[in-house]
Amino acid sequence: MVKVYSLSTCPWCKKVKKFLDEKNVDYEVVDVDLAQGDEQKQALEEVEKLTGKRAFPVTVIDDEVISGYKEDKIEEALKNEA
């Protein structure tokens, strides 16, 4: 399972999504800035719990958490995906 926490206006977030699209990876996107109320609060709490900060993008592949746009780490995690 692949999940991306992003901001709709973030260029690095767009790069992660484009990279996953080019690899034909199915993934779920949470655009935190477009979420409302409790949904946004919960998404921000999840990001903080995963990374210890509020920084984007955050890509979660199985149990691996990748902060930022790190193509090599994303690629490696995709190879190990269950």
N, C-alpha and C. Protein backbone atom coordinates (compact mmCIF):
# COMPACT_ATOMS: atom_id res chain seq x y z
N MET A 1 0.84 -1.18 0.00
CA MET A 1 0.00 0.00 0.00
C MET A 1 0.89 1.25 0.00
N VAL A 2 0.58 2.17 -0.88
CA VAL A 2 1.35 3.40 -1.02
C VAL A 2 0.42 4.58 -0.74
N LYS A 3 0.89 5.48 0.12
CA LYS A 3 0.09 6.66 0.48
C LYS A 3 1.01 7.87 0.45
N VAL A 4 0.51 8.96 -0.12
CA VAL A 4 1.29 10.19 -0.20
C VAL A 4 0.53 11.30 0.50
N TYR A 5 1.19 11.91 1.50
CA TYR A 5 0.65 13.10 2.14
C TYR A 5 1.30 14.28 1.44
N SER A 6 0.46 15.18 0.92
CA SER A 6 1.03 16.28 0.15
C SER A 6 0.24 17.56 0.37
N LEU A 7 0.78 18.62 -0.21
CA LEU A 7 0.07 19.90 -0.30
C LEU A 7 -0.17 20.13 -1.79
N SER A 8 -1.35 20.59 -2.13
CA SER A 8 -1.70 20.72 -3.55
C SER A 8 -0.80 21.69 -4.31
N THR A 9 -0.17 22.62 -3.60
CA THR A 9 0.66 23.63 -4.25
C THR A 9 2.16 23.33 -4.19
N CYS A 10 2.53 22.24 -3.55
CA CYS A 10 3.94 21.90 -3.30
C CYS A 10 4.59 21.27 -4.54
N PRO A 11 5.65 21.90 -5.09
CA PRO A 11 6.29 21.34 -6.28
C PRO A 11 6.93 19.97 -6.03
N TRP A 12 7.48 19.74 -4.84
CA TRP A 12 8.11 18.44 -4.54
C TRP A 12 7.04 17.35 -4.42
N CYS A 13 5.88 17.72 -3.90
CA CYS A 13 4.76 16.77 -3.81
C CYS A 13 4.33 16.35 -5.21
N LYS A 14 4.26 17.33 -6.12
CA LYS A 14 3.88 17.04 -7.51
C LYS A 14 4.90 16.10 -8.15
N LYS A 15 6.18 16.28 -7.82
CA LYS A 15 7.22 15.41 -8.38
C LYS A 15 7.05 13.97 -7.90
N VAL A 16 6.71 13.79 -6.62
CA VAL A 16 6.50 12.44 -6.10
C VAL A 16 5.34 11.77 -6.83
N LYS A 17 4.23 12.50 -6.98
CA LYS A 17 3.05 11.93 -7.64
C LYS A 17 3.35 11.61 -9.11
N LYS A 18 4.08 12.51 -9.77
CA LYS A 18 4.46 12.26 -11.18
C LYS A 18 5.35 11.02 -11.28
N PHE A 19 6.31 10.91 -10.37
CA PHE A 19 7.21 9.75 -10.36
C PHE A 19 6.41 8.45 -10.18
N LEU A 20 5.48 8.44 -9.23
CA LEU A 20 4.66 7.24 -9.00
C LEU A 20 3.78 6.95 -10.21
N ASP A 21 3.24 8.00 -10.82
CA ASP A 21 2.42 7.82 -12.02
C ASP A 21 3.25 7.19 -13.14
N GLU A 22 4.48 7.67 -13.33
CA GLU A 22 5.35 7.13 -14.38
C GLU A 22 5.69 5.67 -14.14
N LYS A 23 5.71 5.27 -12.86
CA LYS A 23 6.00 3.87 -12.50
C LYS A 23 4.72 3.03 -12.48
N ASN A 24 3.58 3.63 -12.83
CA ASN A 24 2.28 2.94 -12.80
C ASN A 24 1.96 2.35 -11.44
N VAL A 25 2.24 3.12 -10.40
CA VAL A 25 1.98 2.68 -9.03
C VAL A 25 0.61 3.20 -8.60
N ASP A 26 -0.20 2.31 -8.03
CA ASP A 26 -1.46 2.73 -7.43
C ASP A 26 -1.15 3.31 -6.06
N TYR A 27 -1.66 4.49 -5.79
CA TYR A 27 -1.39 5.11 -4.50
C TYR A 27 -2.57 6.00 -4.10
N GLU A 28 -2.64 6.23 -2.80
CA GLU A 28 -3.66 7.11 -2.24
C GLU A 28 -3.00 8.44 -1.93
N VAL A 29 -3.68 9.54 -2.24
CA VAL A 29 -3.15 10.87 -1.97
C VAL A 29 -4.02 11.56 -0.93
N VAL A 30 -3.36 12.17 0.04
CA VAL A 30 -4.05 13.03 0.99
C VAL A 30 -3.48 14.43 0.79
N ASP A 31 -4.25 15.31 0.11
CA ASP A 31 -3.84 16.70 -0.04
C ASP A 31 -4.29 17.43 1.22
N VAL A 32 -3.35 17.56 2.14
CA VAL A 32 -3.67 18.06 3.49
C VAL A 32 -4.27 19.47 3.44
N ASP A 33 -3.77 20.31 2.55
CA ASP A 33 -4.27 21.69 2.49
C ASP A 33 -5.70 21.78 1.94
N LEU A 34 -6.15 20.75 1.24
CA LEU A 34 -7.50 20.75 0.69
C LEU A 34 -8.50 20.08 1.63
N ALA A 35 -8.00 19.37 2.62
CA ALA A 35 -8.88 18.71 3.60
C ALA A 35 -9.51 19.79 4.49
N GLN A 36 -10.64 19.46 5.08
CA GLN A 36 -11.37 20.42 5.91
C GLN A 36 -11.46 19.93 7.36
N GLY A 37 -11.45 20.85 8.29
CA GLY A 37 -11.75 20.57 9.68
C GLY A 37 -11.00 19.40 10.29
N ASP A 38 -11.78 18.45 10.82
CA ASP A 38 -11.20 17.30 11.52
C ASP A 38 -10.35 16.44 10.59
N GLU A 39 -10.76 16.35 9.32
CA GLU A 39 -9.99 15.55 8.36
C GLU A 39 -8.58 16.13 8.20
N GLN A 40 -8.50 17.45 8.11
CA GLN A 40 -7.19 18.10 7.98
C GLN A 40 -6.38 17.94 9.26
N LYS A 41 -7.03 18.12 10.39
CA LYS A 41 -6.35 17.97 11.68
C LYS A 41 -5.78 16.56 11.82
N GLN A 42 -6.57 15.56 11.46
CA GLN A 42 -6.12 14.17 11.56
C GLN A 42 -4.94 13.92 10.63
N ALA A 43 -5.00 14.43 9.40
CA ALA A 43 -3.91 14.24 8.44
C ALA A 43 -2.62 14.87 8.96
N LEU A 44 -2.72 16.07 9.51
CA LEU A 44 -1.52 16.73 10.07
C LEU A 44 -0.96 15.94 11.24
N GLU A 45 -1.83 15.40 12.08
CA GLU A 45 -1.37 14.57 13.20
C GLU A 45 -0.67 13.31 12.70
N GLU A 46 -1.22 12.70 11.65
CA GLU A 46 -0.59 11.50 11.08
C GLU A 46 0.81 11.83 10.55
N VAL A 47 0.95 12.94 9.84
CA VAL A 47 2.25 13.34 9.30
C VAL A 47 3.24 13.58 10.44
N GLU A 48 2.80 14.29 11.48
CA GLU A 48 3.69 14.54 12.62
C GLU A 48 4.09 13.25 13.31
N LYS A 49 3.16 12.31 13.44
CA LYS A 49 3.46 11.03 14.08
C LYS A 49 4.47 10.24 13.24
N LEU A 50 4.33 10.31 11.92
CA LEU A 50 5.22 9.56 11.03
C LEU A 50 6.62 10.16 10.96
N THR A 51 6.71 11.50 10.96
CA THR A 51 7.99 12.15 10.69
C THR A 51 8.52 13.02 11.83
N GLY A 52 7.67 13.34 12.79
CA GLY A 52 8.09 14.22 13.87
C GLY A 52 7.99 15.69 13.52
N LYS A 53 7.51 16.00 12.32
CA LYS A 53 7.37 17.41 11.91
C LYS A 53 6.26 17.52 10.87
N ARG A 54 5.96 18.75 10.51
CA ARG A 54 4.96 19.01 9.47
C ARG A 54 5.69 19.43 8.21
N ALA A 55 6.17 18.47 7.46
CA ALA A 55 6.88 18.74 6.22
C ALA A 55 6.33 17.82 5.14
N PHE A 56 6.34 18.30 3.92
CA PHE A 56 5.74 17.55 2.83
C PHE A 56 6.69 17.50 1.65
N PRO A 57 6.60 16.50 0.80
CA PRO A 57 5.70 15.35 0.85
C PRO A 57 6.18 14.28 1.82
N VAL A 58 5.26 13.43 2.21
CA VAL A 58 5.57 12.23 2.97
C VAL A 58 4.98 11.06 2.21
N THR A 59 5.84 10.12 1.84
CA THR A 59 5.41 8.94 1.10
C THR A 59 5.53 7.73 2.03
N VAL A 60 4.45 6.98 2.16
CA VAL A 60 4.46 5.79 3.00
C VAL A 60 4.26 4.58 2.09
N ILE A 61 5.24 3.69 2.10
CA ILE A 61 5.18 2.47 1.30
C ILE A 61 5.31 1.31 2.28
N ASP A 62 4.22 0.57 2.44
CA ASP A 62 4.11 -0.43 3.50
C ASP A 62 4.44 0.26 4.83
N ASP A 63 5.52 -0.14 5.50
CA ASP A 63 5.87 0.48 6.78
C ASP A 63 7.00 1.50 6.65
N GLU A 64 7.47 1.73 5.43
CA GLU A 64 8.58 2.66 5.23
C GLU A 64 8.06 4.07 4.99
N VAL A 65 8.62 5.03 5.73
CA VAL A 65 8.21 6.43 5.63
C VAL A 65 9.36 7.22 4.99
N ILE A 66 9.04 7.92 3.90
CA ILE A 66 10.05 8.70 3.19
C ILE A 66 9.60 10.15 3.19
N SER A 67 10.40 11.01 3.83
CA SER A 67 10.11 12.45 3.86
C SER A 67 10.82 13.12 2.70
N GLY A 68 10.11 14.00 2.01
CA GLY A 68 10.71 14.73 0.90
C GLY A 68 10.68 13.93 -0.38
N TYR A 69 11.26 14.53 -1.42
CA TYR A 69 11.32 13.87 -2.72
C TYR A 69 12.66 13.16 -2.84
N LYS A 70 12.64 11.86 -2.57
CA LYS A 70 13.86 11.05 -2.63
C LYS A 70 13.59 9.87 -3.55
N GLU A 71 13.79 10.13 -4.83
CA GLU A 71 13.45 9.16 -5.87
C GLU A 71 14.09 7.80 -5.62
N ASP A 72 15.37 7.78 -5.22
CA ASP A 72 16.06 6.52 -5.01
C ASP A 72 15.44 5.73 -3.86
N LYS A 73 15.08 6.42 -2.77
CA LYS A 73 14.47 5.71 -1.63
C LYS A 73 13.08 5.21 -1.98
N ILE A 74 12.32 6.00 -2.73
CA ILE A 74 10.98 5.57 -3.15
C ILE A 74 11.10 4.33 -4.03
N GLU A 75 12.03 4.39 -4.98
CA GLU A 75 12.24 3.26 -5.89
C GLU A 75 12.60 1.99 -5.12
N GLU A 76 13.51 2.12 -4.15
CA GLU A 76 13.94 0.98 -3.35
C GLU A 76 12.78 0.40 -2.55
N ALA A 77 11.98 1.28 -1.94
CA ALA A 77 10.84 0.84 -1.13
C ALA A 77 9.80 0.15 -2.01
N LEU A 78 9.62 0.64 -3.23
CA LEU A 78 8.66 0.01 -4.15
C LEU A 78 9.10 -1.42 -4.50
N LYS A 79 10.41 -1.63 -4.64
CA LYS A 79 10.93 -2.97 -4.94
C LYS A 79 10.65 -3.93 -3.82
N ASN A 80 10.67 -3.41 -2.58
CA ASN A 80 10.47 -4.26 -1.40
C ASN A 80 9.02 -4.34 -0.98
N GLU A 81 8.13 -3.66 -1.71
CA GLU A 81 6.72 -3.62 -1.32
C GLU A 81 6.12 -5.02 -1.36
N ALA A 82 5.35 -5.30 -0.32
CA ALA A 82 4.74 -6.63 -0.20
C ALA A 82 3.61 -6.82 -1.21
